[in-house]
Amino acid sequence: MIGVFGGTFDPVHYGHLRSALEVKELFGLDEIRLIPSATPPHRSTPSASAEMRTQMLGLAITGAPGFVIDTRELERTGLSFMVLTLESLRQDFPARPMLLFIGSDAFNHLTEWYQWQRLFDFSHVVVLTRPGYSIGLLDDYFSVRLTENRNELSAALAGKLYFQPITQLDISATAIRDLITNGRNPRFLLPDPVLSFIKEHKLYIDNPSKLATGI
């Protein structure tokens, strides 16, 4: 099975990496593809360039077996719609089950995504939740796809909805960027090689003199 984990990764941090590692192990994935978004349709344009975000991602996953950086959204023009990404992945992997991982907040707004129903044509959708999360009432479109049997995800190529509790670290890229902008040290929120890259390239600061000492 292939896992799909998208995001701006602006910058990548331990919240991203821990979640990706847990689902890779929980679902026995052959690989998990980390897909940097070029032009996300539901959030502001990333602060760092696509090239720098990809380089930071590469630094973060060095030595992590089965972690793959997939740059297809960066190579495609227009908005980075996930349905188009999954369609492209399905063409590359026609016979392997795919799992799209999204957070519970994203799931609450899934019906606002471009051609959101077609996501299930290409992949299963796995919603990452905190332990004790209550699913609530699902409409018919989702309820008929819902499964509580993880084995059903490997038995079919796509089409199922599954909720998976994981360890969710309360870390956000926005908070990290704000710390750096305000001259504070975000160490221990993201890998040291990524932090060194940020310092070297003076990312996320409006005045180089504000860069925190000791980074």
N, C-alpha and C. Protein backbone atom coordinates (compact mmCIF):
# COMPACT_ATOMS: atom_id res chain seq x y z
N MET A 1 0.84 -1.20 0.00
CA MET A 1 0.00 0.00 0.00
C MET A 1 0.87 1.25 0.00
N ILE A 2 0.32 2.28 -0.57
CA ILE A 2 1.02 3.56 -0.64
C ILE A 2 0.26 4.60 0.17
N GLY A 3 0.97 5.34 1.00
CA GLY A 3 0.38 6.43 1.75
C GLY A 3 0.66 7.75 1.07
N VAL A 4 -0.31 8.65 1.14
CA VAL A 4 -0.18 9.97 0.54
C VAL A 4 -0.36 11.01 1.64
N PHE A 5 0.66 11.84 1.82
CA PHE A 5 0.67 12.81 2.92
C PHE A 5 1.07 14.15 2.32
N GLY A 6 0.10 15.02 2.10
CA GLY A 6 0.36 16.30 1.47
C GLY A 6 0.46 17.44 2.47
N GLY A 7 1.02 18.55 2.01
CA GLY A 7 1.13 19.72 2.86
C GLY A 7 2.06 20.75 2.24
N THR A 8 2.07 21.94 2.80
CA THR A 8 3.02 22.94 2.30
C THR A 8 4.41 22.69 2.86
N PHE A 9 4.49 22.09 4.06
CA PHE A 9 5.78 21.82 4.71
C PHE A 9 6.62 23.10 4.74
N ASP A 10 6.05 24.12 5.37
CA ASP A 10 6.63 25.47 5.32
C ASP A 10 6.88 26.03 6.73
N PRO A 11 7.78 25.44 7.53
CA PRO A 11 8.67 24.32 7.21
C PRO A 11 8.12 23.00 7.72
N VAL A 12 8.73 21.89 7.27
CA VAL A 12 8.41 20.58 7.81
C VAL A 12 8.82 20.55 9.28
N HIS A 13 8.03 19.86 10.11
CA HIS A 13 8.33 19.80 11.54
C HIS A 13 7.99 18.42 12.09
N TYR A 14 8.23 18.23 13.39
CA TYR A 14 8.04 16.91 13.99
C TYR A 14 6.57 16.47 14.00
N GLY A 15 5.64 17.41 13.98
CA GLY A 15 4.24 17.02 13.89
C GLY A 15 3.96 16.26 12.60
N HIS A 16 4.49 16.78 11.48
CA HIS A 16 4.36 16.08 10.20
C HIS A 16 5.03 14.70 10.26
N LEU A 17 6.28 14.71 10.73
CA LEU A 17 7.11 13.51 10.63
C LEU A 17 6.63 12.40 11.55
N ARG A 18 6.20 12.75 12.75
CA ARG A 18 5.72 11.73 13.68
C ARG A 18 4.43 11.10 13.15
N SER A 19 3.53 11.92 12.62
CA SER A 19 2.28 11.39 12.06
C SER A 19 2.57 10.45 10.90
N ALA A 20 3.47 10.86 10.01
CA ALA A 20 3.80 10.04 8.85
C ALA A 20 4.41 8.71 9.28
N LEU A 21 5.27 8.73 10.27
CA LEU A 21 5.90 7.49 10.73
C LEU A 21 4.87 6.56 11.36
N GLU A 22 3.99 7.10 12.18
CA GLU A 22 2.98 6.26 12.84
C GLU A 22 2.08 5.56 11.82
N VAL A 23 1.59 6.31 10.84
CA VAL A 23 0.67 5.68 9.89
C VAL A 23 1.40 4.69 8.99
N LYS A 24 2.66 4.96 8.70
CA LYS A 24 3.43 4.00 7.91
C LYS A 24 3.51 2.66 8.63
N GLU A 25 3.73 2.71 9.94
CA GLU A 25 3.82 1.48 10.72
C GLU A 25 2.44 0.85 10.95
N LEU A 26 1.45 1.66 11.29
CA LEU A 26 0.13 1.14 11.60
C LEU A 26 -0.51 0.42 10.42
N PHE A 27 -0.31 0.97 9.23
CA PHE A 27 -0.95 0.40 8.04
C PHE A 27 -0.01 -0.47 7.22
N GLY A 28 1.20 -0.68 7.70
CA GLY A 28 2.13 -1.52 6.98
C GLY A 28 2.41 -1.03 5.57
N LEU A 29 2.61 0.28 5.42
CA LEU A 29 2.79 0.86 4.09
C LEU A 29 4.14 0.50 3.50
N ASP A 30 4.14 0.24 2.20
CA ASP A 30 5.39 0.04 1.49
C ASP A 30 6.17 1.35 1.43
N GLU A 31 5.44 2.43 1.24
CA GLU A 31 6.07 3.75 1.23
C GLU A 31 5.02 4.80 1.56
N ILE A 32 5.49 5.92 2.05
CA ILE A 32 4.62 7.06 2.26
C ILE A 32 5.19 8.23 1.47
N ARG A 33 4.37 8.78 0.60
CA ARG A 33 4.82 9.83 -0.31
C ARG A 33 4.44 11.18 0.27
N LEU A 34 5.45 11.98 0.59
CA LEU A 34 5.26 13.33 1.12
C LEU A 34 5.21 14.27 -0.07
N ILE A 35 4.09 14.97 -0.22
CA ILE A 35 3.84 15.74 -1.43
C ILE A 35 3.73 17.22 -1.11
N PRO A 36 4.80 17.99 -1.34
CA PRO A 36 4.72 19.43 -1.10
C PRO A 36 3.74 20.10 -2.06
N SER A 37 2.92 20.96 -1.51
CA SER A 37 1.94 21.68 -2.33
C SER A 37 2.58 22.92 -2.93
N ALA A 38 2.31 23.15 -4.20
CA ALA A 38 2.87 24.34 -4.88
C ALA A 38 2.01 25.56 -4.60
N THR A 39 0.73 25.47 -4.98
CA THR A 39 -0.21 26.58 -4.80
C THR A 39 -1.46 26.03 -4.13
N PRO A 40 -1.48 25.97 -2.80
CA PRO A 40 -2.62 25.37 -2.11
C PRO A 40 -3.88 26.21 -2.30
N PRO A 41 -5.01 25.55 -2.60
CA PRO A 41 -6.24 26.31 -2.87
C PRO A 41 -6.94 26.84 -1.63
N HIS A 42 -6.62 26.30 -0.45
CA HIS A 42 -7.37 26.65 0.76
C HIS A 42 -6.54 27.40 1.80
N ARG A 43 -5.34 27.85 1.41
CA ARG A 43 -4.52 28.60 2.36
C ARG A 43 -3.62 29.55 1.58
N SER A 44 -2.93 30.42 2.31
CA SER A 44 -2.10 31.43 1.66
C SER A 44 -0.88 30.78 0.99
N THR A 45 -0.27 31.53 0.09
CA THR A 45 0.92 31.06 -0.61
C THR A 45 2.04 30.80 0.39
N PRO A 46 2.75 29.68 0.28
CA PRO A 46 3.84 29.39 1.21
C PRO A 46 4.89 30.50 1.23
N SER A 47 5.52 30.68 2.40
CA SER A 47 6.54 31.72 2.54
C SER A 47 7.84 31.33 1.85
N ALA A 48 8.27 30.10 2.03
CA ALA A 48 9.50 29.62 1.40
C ALA A 48 9.20 29.11 0.00
N SER A 49 10.19 29.17 -0.86
CA SER A 49 10.01 28.71 -2.23
C SER A 49 9.81 27.19 -2.27
N ALA A 50 9.26 26.72 -3.37
CA ALA A 50 9.06 25.29 -3.53
C ALA A 50 10.37 24.53 -3.42
N GLU A 51 11.42 25.08 -4.02
CA GLU A 51 12.72 24.41 -3.98
C GLU A 51 13.24 24.31 -2.55
N MET A 52 13.11 25.37 -1.77
CA MET A 52 13.62 25.35 -0.40
C MET A 52 12.78 24.44 0.49
N ARG A 53 11.48 24.42 0.30
CA ARG A 53 10.63 23.53 1.09
C ARG A 53 10.95 22.07 0.79
N THR A 54 11.25 21.79 -0.48
CA THR A 54 11.62 20.43 -0.86
C THR A 54 12.97 20.05 -0.27
N GLN A 55 13.91 20.98 -0.27
CA GLN A 55 15.23 20.70 0.32
C GLN A 55 15.11 20.44 1.82
N MET A 56 14.29 21.23 2.50
CA MET A 56 14.09 21.02 3.94
C MET A 56 13.46 19.66 4.20
N LEU A 57 12.52 19.28 3.36
CA LEU A 57 11.87 17.98 3.51
C LEU A 57 12.89 16.85 3.32
N GLY A 58 13.78 17.02 2.34
CA GLY A 58 14.82 16.02 2.12
C GLY A 58 15.74 15.88 3.33
N LEU A 59 16.10 17.00 3.93
CA LEU A 59 16.94 16.96 5.13
C LEU A 59 16.23 16.24 6.28
N ALA A 60 14.93 16.46 6.38
CA ALA A 60 14.17 15.92 7.50
C ALA A 60 14.01 14.40 7.42
N ILE A 61 13.94 13.84 6.23
CA ILE A 61 13.65 12.41 6.11
C ILE A 61 14.88 11.58 5.76
N THR A 62 16.04 12.19 5.80
CA THR A 62 17.27 11.44 5.55
C THR A 62 17.37 10.25 6.51
N GLY A 63 17.57 9.07 5.95
CA GLY A 63 17.69 7.88 6.77
C GLY A 63 16.37 7.28 7.22
N ALA A 64 15.24 7.75 6.66
CA ALA A 64 13.92 7.22 7.02
C ALA A 64 13.44 6.30 5.90
N PRO A 65 13.55 4.99 6.06
CA PRO A 65 13.17 4.05 4.99
C PRO A 65 11.69 4.19 4.62
N GLY A 66 11.41 4.16 3.34
CA GLY A 66 10.03 4.20 2.87
C GLY A 66 9.43 5.58 2.76
N PHE A 67 10.18 6.61 3.17
CA PHE A 67 9.72 7.99 3.02
C PHE A 67 10.19 8.51 1.66
N VAL A 68 9.25 8.99 0.86
CA VAL A 68 9.56 9.42 -0.50
C VAL A 68 9.02 10.83 -0.71
N ILE A 69 9.84 11.72 -1.23
CA ILE A 69 9.37 13.06 -1.61
C ILE A 69 8.82 12.98 -3.02
N ASP A 70 7.59 13.41 -3.20
CA ASP A 70 6.91 13.38 -4.49
C ASP A 70 6.63 14.82 -4.91
N THR A 71 7.25 15.27 -5.99
CA THR A 71 7.18 16.68 -6.38
C THR A 71 6.18 16.94 -7.50
N ARG A 72 5.25 16.05 -7.72
CA ARG A 72 4.36 16.23 -8.88
C ARG A 72 3.51 17.50 -8.79
N GLU A 73 3.15 17.94 -7.61
CA GLU A 73 2.36 19.17 -7.51
C GLU A 73 3.21 20.40 -7.83
N LEU A 74 4.50 20.32 -7.54
CA LEU A 74 5.39 21.43 -7.87
C LEU A 74 5.65 21.51 -9.36
N GLU A 75 5.50 20.40 -10.04
CA GLU A 75 5.77 20.34 -11.48
C GLU A 75 4.52 20.62 -12.31
N ARG A 76 3.39 20.76 -11.64
CA ARG A 76 2.12 20.97 -12.34
C ARG A 76 1.71 22.44 -12.21
N THR A 77 1.18 23.02 -13.27
CA THR A 77 0.72 24.40 -13.22
C THR A 77 -0.67 24.47 -12.59
N GLY A 78 -1.02 25.64 -12.12
CA GLY A 78 -2.34 25.85 -11.54
C GLY A 78 -2.38 25.48 -10.06
N LEU A 79 -3.57 25.53 -9.50
CA LEU A 79 -3.75 25.22 -8.09
C LEU A 79 -3.47 23.74 -7.81
N SER A 80 -3.00 23.47 -6.61
CA SER A 80 -2.61 22.10 -6.24
C SER A 80 -3.82 21.35 -5.69
N PHE A 81 -4.68 20.92 -6.59
CA PHE A 81 -5.88 20.17 -6.17
C PHE A 81 -5.50 18.72 -5.92
N MET A 82 -5.87 18.20 -4.74
CA MET A 82 -5.49 16.84 -4.37
C MET A 82 -6.09 15.80 -5.31
N VAL A 83 -7.27 16.04 -5.81
CA VAL A 83 -7.89 15.05 -6.68
C VAL A 83 -7.06 14.82 -7.94
N LEU A 84 -6.44 15.87 -8.45
CA LEU A 84 -5.57 15.73 -9.62
C LEU A 84 -4.29 14.98 -9.26
N THR A 85 -3.81 15.21 -8.06
CA THR A 85 -2.62 14.50 -7.59
C THR A 85 -2.91 13.01 -7.46
N LEU A 86 -4.04 12.68 -6.87
CA LEU A 86 -4.39 11.27 -6.71
C LEU A 86 -4.63 10.61 -8.07
N GLU A 87 -5.24 11.33 -8.98
CA GLU A 87 -5.47 10.79 -10.32
C GLU A 87 -4.13 10.46 -11.00
N SER A 88 -3.17 11.35 -10.83
CA SER A 88 -1.84 11.13 -11.40
C SER A 88 -1.15 9.94 -10.73
N LEU A 89 -1.25 9.86 -9.42
CA LEU A 89 -0.66 8.73 -8.70
C LEU A 89 -1.29 7.41 -9.11
N ARG A 90 -2.59 7.41 -9.32
CA ARG A 90 -3.28 6.18 -9.73
C ARG A 90 -2.79 5.72 -11.09
N GLN A 91 -2.46 6.65 -11.96
CA GLN A 91 -1.90 6.27 -13.26
C GLN A 91 -0.54 5.61 -13.09
N ASP A 92 0.22 6.09 -12.11
CA ASP A 92 1.55 5.51 -11.87
C ASP A 92 1.48 4.18 -11.13
N PHE A 93 0.45 4.03 -10.28
CA PHE A 93 0.32 2.82 -9.46
C PHE A 93 -1.09 2.25 -9.62
N PRO A 94 -1.38 1.66 -10.77
CA PRO A 94 -2.74 1.22 -11.07
C PRO A 94 -3.24 0.04 -10.23
N ALA A 95 -2.34 -0.71 -9.62
CA ALA A 95 -2.75 -1.93 -8.95
C ALA A 95 -2.44 -1.95 -7.46
N ARG A 96 -2.16 -0.78 -6.87
CA ARG A 96 -1.80 -0.75 -5.46
C ARG A 96 -2.79 0.11 -4.68
N PRO A 97 -3.29 -0.38 -3.55
CA PRO A 97 -4.17 0.44 -2.72
C PRO A 97 -3.45 1.71 -2.28
N MET A 98 -4.20 2.82 -2.25
CA MET A 98 -3.64 4.09 -1.80
C MET A 98 -4.46 4.63 -0.64
N LEU A 99 -3.76 5.24 0.30
CA LEU A 99 -4.40 5.85 1.46
C LEU A 99 -4.02 7.33 1.50
N LEU A 100 -5.02 8.18 1.40
CA LEU A 100 -4.82 9.62 1.56
C LEU A 100 -5.04 9.98 3.02
N PHE A 101 -4.03 10.54 3.66
CA PHE A 101 -4.12 10.91 5.07
C PHE A 101 -4.43 12.40 5.20
N ILE A 102 -5.49 12.70 5.96
CA ILE A 102 -5.85 14.09 6.22
C ILE A 102 -6.18 14.23 7.70
N GLY A 103 -6.08 15.44 8.22
CA GLY A 103 -6.44 15.70 9.60
C GLY A 103 -7.94 15.86 9.77
N SER A 104 -8.39 15.83 11.02
CA SER A 104 -9.82 15.94 11.28
C SER A 104 -10.36 17.31 10.89
N ASP A 105 -9.56 18.37 11.04
CA ASP A 105 -10.01 19.70 10.61
C ASP A 105 -10.22 19.73 9.10
N ALA A 106 -9.30 19.12 8.37
CA ALA A 106 -9.45 19.06 6.91
C ALA A 106 -10.68 18.25 6.53
N PHE A 107 -10.93 17.17 7.25
CA PHE A 107 -12.10 16.35 6.94
C PHE A 107 -13.39 17.15 7.14
N ASN A 108 -13.42 18.00 8.16
CA ASN A 108 -14.62 18.80 8.43
C ASN A 108 -14.94 19.76 7.28
N HIS A 109 -13.93 20.05 6.45
CA HIS A 109 -14.12 20.95 5.30
C HIS A 109 -13.94 20.21 3.97
N LEU A 110 -13.98 18.89 4.00
CA LEU A 110 -13.67 18.12 2.81
C LEU A 110 -14.65 18.42 1.67
N THR A 111 -15.89 18.69 2.00
CA THR A 111 -16.89 18.94 0.95
C THR A 111 -16.66 20.27 0.24
N GLU A 112 -15.70 21.06 0.73
CA GLU A 112 -15.35 22.31 0.05
C GLU A 112 -14.20 22.11 -0.93
N TRP A 113 -13.59 20.92 -0.91
CA TRP A 113 -12.46 20.65 -1.81
C TRP A 113 -12.95 20.48 -3.24
N TYR A 114 -12.09 20.77 -4.17
CA TYR A 114 -12.38 20.62 -5.59
C TYR A 114 -12.64 19.15 -5.93
N GLN A 115 -13.80 18.87 -6.50
CA GLN A 115 -14.20 17.53 -6.92
C GLN A 115 -13.93 16.50 -5.82
N TRP A 116 -14.35 16.83 -4.62
CA TRP A 116 -13.99 16.02 -3.45
C TRP A 116 -14.51 14.58 -3.53
N GLN A 117 -15.67 14.39 -4.18
CA GLN A 117 -16.20 13.02 -4.26
C GLN A 117 -15.26 12.10 -5.03
N ARG A 118 -14.52 12.66 -6.00
CA ARG A 118 -13.64 11.84 -6.83
C ARG A 118 -12.39 11.37 -6.08
N LEU A 119 -12.12 11.94 -4.92
CA LEU A 119 -11.00 11.45 -4.12
C LEU A 119 -11.13 9.95 -3.88
N PHE A 120 -12.36 9.52 -3.64
CA PHE A 120 -12.61 8.12 -3.32
C PHE A 120 -12.52 7.21 -4.54
N ASP A 121 -12.51 7.80 -5.73
CA ASP A 121 -12.31 6.99 -6.93
C ASP A 121 -10.87 6.50 -7.04
N PHE A 122 -9.96 7.24 -6.45
CA PHE A 122 -8.55 6.95 -6.61
C PHE A 122 -7.88 6.42 -5.34
N SER A 123 -8.49 6.68 -4.18
CA SER A 123 -7.80 6.38 -2.93
C SER A 123 -8.81 6.14 -1.82
N HIS A 124 -8.37 5.48 -0.78
CA HIS A 124 -9.09 5.52 0.49
C HIS A 124 -8.76 6.84 1.17
N VAL A 125 -9.62 7.29 2.06
CA VAL A 125 -9.37 8.49 2.84
C VAL A 125 -9.28 8.10 4.31
N VAL A 126 -8.13 8.37 4.92
CA VAL A 126 -7.91 8.05 6.33
C VAL A 126 -7.80 9.36 7.10
N VAL A 127 -8.70 9.55 8.05
CA VAL A 127 -8.73 10.78 8.84
C VAL A 127 -7.94 10.55 10.13
N LEU A 128 -6.93 11.36 10.35
CA LEU A 128 -6.09 11.24 11.53
C LEU A 128 -6.69 12.05 12.66
N THR A 129 -6.95 11.39 13.77
CA THR A 129 -7.65 12.03 14.89
C THR A 129 -6.86 11.86 16.17
N ARG A 130 -7.24 12.65 17.15
CA ARG A 130 -6.71 12.47 18.49
C ARG A 130 -7.44 11.30 19.16
N PRO A 131 -6.77 10.58 20.07
CA PRO A 131 -7.47 9.53 20.82
C PRO A 131 -8.71 10.09 21.52
N GLY A 132 -9.82 9.37 21.42
CA GLY A 132 -11.07 9.81 22.02
C GLY A 132 -11.91 10.70 21.13
N TYR A 133 -11.44 10.96 19.92
CA TYR A 133 -12.18 11.80 18.97
C TYR A 133 -13.52 11.15 18.65
N SER A 134 -14.58 11.94 18.64
CA SER A 134 -15.91 11.45 18.31
C SER A 134 -16.22 11.75 16.85
N ILE A 135 -16.56 10.72 16.09
CA ILE A 135 -16.80 10.88 14.67
C ILE A 135 -18.01 11.74 14.39
N GLY A 136 -19.06 11.54 15.16
CA GLY A 136 -20.28 12.30 14.92
C GLY A 136 -21.10 11.69 13.79
N LEU A 137 -22.16 12.36 13.43
CA LEU A 137 -23.08 11.85 12.42
C LEU A 137 -22.54 12.15 11.03
N LEU A 138 -22.41 11.11 10.21
CA LEU A 138 -21.95 11.26 8.84
C LEU A 138 -23.12 11.20 7.88
N ASP A 139 -23.04 11.96 6.79
CA ASP A 139 -24.11 11.87 5.80
C ASP A 139 -23.97 10.56 5.03
N ASP A 140 -24.95 10.30 4.15
CA ASP A 140 -24.99 9.01 3.47
C ASP A 140 -23.76 8.76 2.62
N TYR A 141 -23.22 9.82 2.00
CA TYR A 141 -22.07 9.64 1.11
C TYR A 141 -20.89 9.07 1.89
N PHE A 142 -20.68 9.57 3.09
CA PHE A 142 -19.56 9.10 3.90
C PHE A 142 -19.90 7.81 4.64
N SER A 143 -21.10 7.69 5.14
CA SER A 143 -21.44 6.54 5.98
C SER A 143 -21.35 5.23 5.22
N VAL A 144 -21.69 5.23 3.94
CA VAL A 144 -21.62 3.98 3.17
C VAL A 144 -20.18 3.59 2.87
N ARG A 145 -19.26 4.53 3.01
CA ARG A 145 -17.85 4.26 2.74
C ARG A 145 -17.06 3.98 4.02
N LEU A 146 -17.67 4.27 5.14
CA LEU A 146 -16.98 4.12 6.43
C LEU A 146 -16.72 2.65 6.74
N THR A 147 -15.52 2.36 7.18
CA THR A 147 -15.19 1.02 7.67
C THR A 147 -14.41 1.15 8.96
N GLU A 148 -14.58 0.17 9.83
CA GLU A 148 -13.78 0.09 11.05
C GLU A 148 -12.80 -1.07 10.97
N ASN A 149 -12.78 -1.72 9.82
CA ASN A 149 -11.89 -2.86 9.60
C ASN A 149 -10.72 -2.42 8.73
N ARG A 150 -9.55 -2.30 9.33
CA ARG A 150 -8.38 -1.81 8.61
C ARG A 150 -8.02 -2.72 7.43
N ASN A 151 -8.34 -4.01 7.54
CA ASN A 151 -8.01 -4.95 6.47
C ASN A 151 -8.73 -4.64 5.17
N GLU A 152 -9.87 -3.97 5.27
CA GLU A 152 -10.60 -3.62 4.05
C GLU A 152 -9.84 -2.62 3.19
N LEU A 153 -8.92 -1.89 3.79
CA LEU A 153 -8.15 -0.90 3.05
C LEU A 153 -7.12 -1.56 2.13
N SER A 154 -6.60 -2.69 2.54
CA SER A 154 -5.64 -3.40 1.70
C SER A 154 -6.32 -4.32 0.71
N ALA A 155 -7.62 -4.59 0.94
CA ALA A 155 -8.35 -5.51 0.06
C ALA A 155 -8.94 -4.81 -1.15
N ALA A 156 -8.98 -3.48 -1.15
CA ALA A 156 -9.52 -2.71 -2.28
C ALA A 156 -8.56 -1.58 -2.61
N LEU A 157 -8.61 -1.12 -3.85
CA LEU A 157 -7.70 -0.06 -4.28
C LEU A 157 -8.08 1.29 -3.71
N ALA A 158 -9.38 1.53 -3.50
CA ALA A 158 -9.85 2.87 -3.13
C ALA A 158 -11.29 2.76 -2.63
N GLY A 159 -11.80 3.91 -2.14
CA GLY A 159 -13.24 4.00 -1.88
C GLY A 159 -13.69 3.98 -0.44
N LYS A 160 -12.80 3.67 0.51
CA LYS A 160 -13.20 3.55 1.90
C LYS A 160 -12.82 4.79 2.71
N LEU A 161 -13.54 4.99 3.80
CA LEU A 161 -13.27 6.05 4.77
C LEU A 161 -12.94 5.40 6.09
N TYR A 162 -11.84 5.82 6.70
CA TYR A 162 -11.38 5.20 7.93
C TYR A 162 -10.86 6.29 8.87
N PHE A 163 -11.15 6.14 10.16
CA PHE A 163 -10.68 7.09 11.17
C PHE A 163 -9.60 6.41 12.02
N GLN A 164 -8.45 7.06 12.11
CA GLN A 164 -7.32 6.48 12.84
C GLN A 164 -6.79 7.44 13.90
N PRO A 165 -6.92 7.07 15.18
CA PRO A 165 -6.30 7.89 16.23
C PRO A 165 -4.78 7.75 16.18
N ILE A 166 -4.07 8.87 16.32
CA ILE A 166 -2.62 8.84 16.36
C ILE A 166 -2.14 9.85 17.41
N THR A 167 -0.86 9.77 17.70
CA THR A 167 -0.24 10.77 18.57
C THR A 167 -0.10 12.06 17.77
N GLN A 168 -0.79 13.09 18.18
CA GLN A 168 -0.73 14.36 17.45
C GLN A 168 0.02 15.39 18.29
N LEU A 169 1.16 15.78 17.80
CA LEU A 169 1.96 16.79 18.49
C LEU A 169 1.41 18.17 18.16
N ASP A 170 1.25 18.98 19.18
CA ASP A 170 0.65 20.31 18.98
C ASP A 170 1.72 21.28 18.48
N ILE A 171 2.12 21.05 17.23
CA ILE A 171 3.14 21.88 16.58
C ILE A 171 2.56 22.38 15.27
N SER A 172 2.77 23.63 14.95
CA SER A 172 2.31 24.15 13.67
C SER A 172 3.41 24.92 12.98
N ALA A 173 3.41 24.84 11.65
CA ALA A 173 4.40 25.59 10.87
C ALA A 173 4.21 27.09 11.07
N THR A 174 2.97 27.51 11.22
CA THR A 174 2.70 28.94 11.44
C THR A 174 3.36 29.42 12.73
N ALA A 175 3.23 28.63 13.79
CA ALA A 175 3.84 29.01 15.06
C ALA A 175 5.37 29.04 14.95
N ILE A 176 5.93 28.10 14.22
CA ILE A 176 7.39 28.07 14.04
C ILE A 176 7.84 29.31 13.28
N ARG A 177 7.13 29.66 12.21
CA ARG A 177 7.51 30.86 11.45
C ARG A 177 7.39 32.10 12.33
N ASP A 178 6.37 32.17 13.16
CA ASP A 178 6.19 33.33 14.04
C ASP A 178 7.33 33.43 15.06
N LEU A 179 7.74 32.29 15.60
CA LEU A 179 8.86 32.31 16.54
C LEU A 179 10.11 32.88 15.88
N ILE A 180 10.40 32.41 14.67
CA ILE A 180 11.59 32.87 13.97
C ILE A 180 11.48 34.36 13.64
N THR A 181 10.32 34.77 13.16
CA THR A 181 10.10 36.18 12.82
C THR A 181 10.34 37.08 14.03
N ASN A 182 9.97 36.57 15.22
CA ASN A 182 10.09 37.38 16.44
C ASN A 182 11.40 37.14 17.18
N GLY A 183 12.36 36.49 16.50
CA GLY A 183 13.67 36.33 17.09
C GLY A 183 13.77 35.29 18.17
N ARG A 184 12.84 34.35 18.19
CA ARG A 184 12.87 33.29 19.20
C ARG A 184 13.34 31.98 18.55
N ASN A 185 13.77 31.05 19.37
CA ASN A 185 14.40 29.82 18.90
C ASN A 185 13.37 28.68 18.85
N PRO A 186 13.11 28.12 17.66
CA PRO A 186 12.13 27.03 17.55
C PRO A 186 12.75 25.64 17.66
N ARG A 187 13.96 25.56 18.20
CA ARG A 187 14.62 24.26 18.30
C ARG A 187 13.76 23.27 19.09
N PHE A 188 13.85 22.00 18.74
CA PHE A 188 13.11 20.87 19.29
C PHE A 188 11.68 20.78 18.76
N LEU A 189 11.29 21.70 17.88
CA LEU A 189 10.01 21.59 17.20
C LEU A 189 10.17 21.01 15.80
N LEU A 190 11.40 21.00 15.31
CA LEU A 190 11.70 20.51 13.97
C LEU A 190 13.14 20.00 13.97
N PRO A 191 13.50 19.16 12.99
CA PRO A 191 14.85 18.59 12.99
C PRO A 191 15.93 19.64 12.91
N ASP A 192 17.04 19.40 13.58
CA ASP A 192 18.15 20.35 13.58
C ASP A 192 18.67 20.67 12.18
N PRO A 193 18.79 19.69 11.27
CA PRO A 193 19.26 20.04 9.92
C PRO A 193 18.32 21.03 9.21
N VAL A 194 17.02 20.91 9.47
CA VAL A 194 16.07 21.85 8.88
C VAL A 194 16.26 23.23 9.49
N LEU A 195 16.46 23.28 10.79
CA LEU A 195 16.68 24.56 11.46
C LEU A 195 17.97 25.22 10.97
N SER A 196 19.00 24.43 10.76
CA SER A 196 20.26 24.97 10.23
C SER A 196 20.06 25.54 8.83
N PHE A 197 19.25 24.86 8.03
CA PHE A 197 18.95 25.34 6.68
C PHE A 197 18.21 26.67 6.74
N ILE A 198 17.26 26.78 7.65
CA ILE A 198 16.50 28.02 7.82
C ILE A 198 17.44 29.17 8.20
N LYS A 199 18.36 28.87 9.12
CA LYS A 199 19.31 29.90 9.54
C LYS A 199 20.23 30.30 8.39
N GLU A 200 20.73 29.31 7.67
CA GLU A 200 21.65 29.58 6.57
C GLU A 200 21.03 30.46 5.50
N HIS A 201 19.76 30.20 5.21
CA HIS A 201 19.08 30.93 4.13
C HIS A 201 18.22 32.08 4.64
N LYS A 202 18.27 32.31 5.97
CA LYS A 202 17.55 33.43 6.58
C LYS A 202 16.06 33.42 6.21
N LEU A 203 15.46 32.26 6.34
CA LEU A 203 14.04 32.13 6.02
C LEU A 203 13.17 32.63 7.18
N TYR A 204 12.00 33.12 6.82
CA TYR A 204 10.94 33.49 7.77
C TYR A 204 11.29 34.68 8.67
N ILE A 205 12.26 35.48 8.28
CA ILE A 205 12.58 36.66 9.09
C ILE A 205 12.42 37.91 8.22
N ASP A 206 11.99 39.00 8.85
CA ASP A 206 11.86 40.25 8.12
C ASP A 206 13.07 41.16 8.31
N ASN A 207 13.93 40.77 9.30
CA ASN A 207 15.15 41.54 9.58
C ASN A 207 16.21 40.56 10.07
N PRO A 208 17.30 40.34 9.31
CA PRO A 208 18.31 39.36 9.71
C PRO A 208 18.84 39.53 11.12
N SER A 209 18.81 40.75 11.64
CA SER A 209 19.33 40.96 12.99
C SER A 209 18.44 40.33 14.06
N LYS A 210 17.21 39.94 13.69
CA LYS A 210 16.29 39.32 14.63
C LYS A 210 16.54 37.82 14.81
N LEU A 211 17.34 37.25 13.93
CA LEU A 211 17.54 35.80 13.97
C LEU A 211 18.08 35.40 15.34
N ALA A 212 17.39 34.46 15.97
CA ALA A 212 17.73 34.08 17.35
C ALA A 212 19.13 33.52 17.43
N THR A 213 19.86 33.91 18.47
CA THR A 213 21.19 33.36 18.67
C THR A 213 21.06 31.93 19.19
N GLY A 214 22.05 31.13 18.89
CA GLY A 214 22.06 29.77 19.39
C GLY A 214 21.35 28.78 18.50
N ILE A 215 20.74 29.24 17.39
CA ILE A 215 20.06 28.31 16.49
C ILE A 215 21.12 27.52 15.72
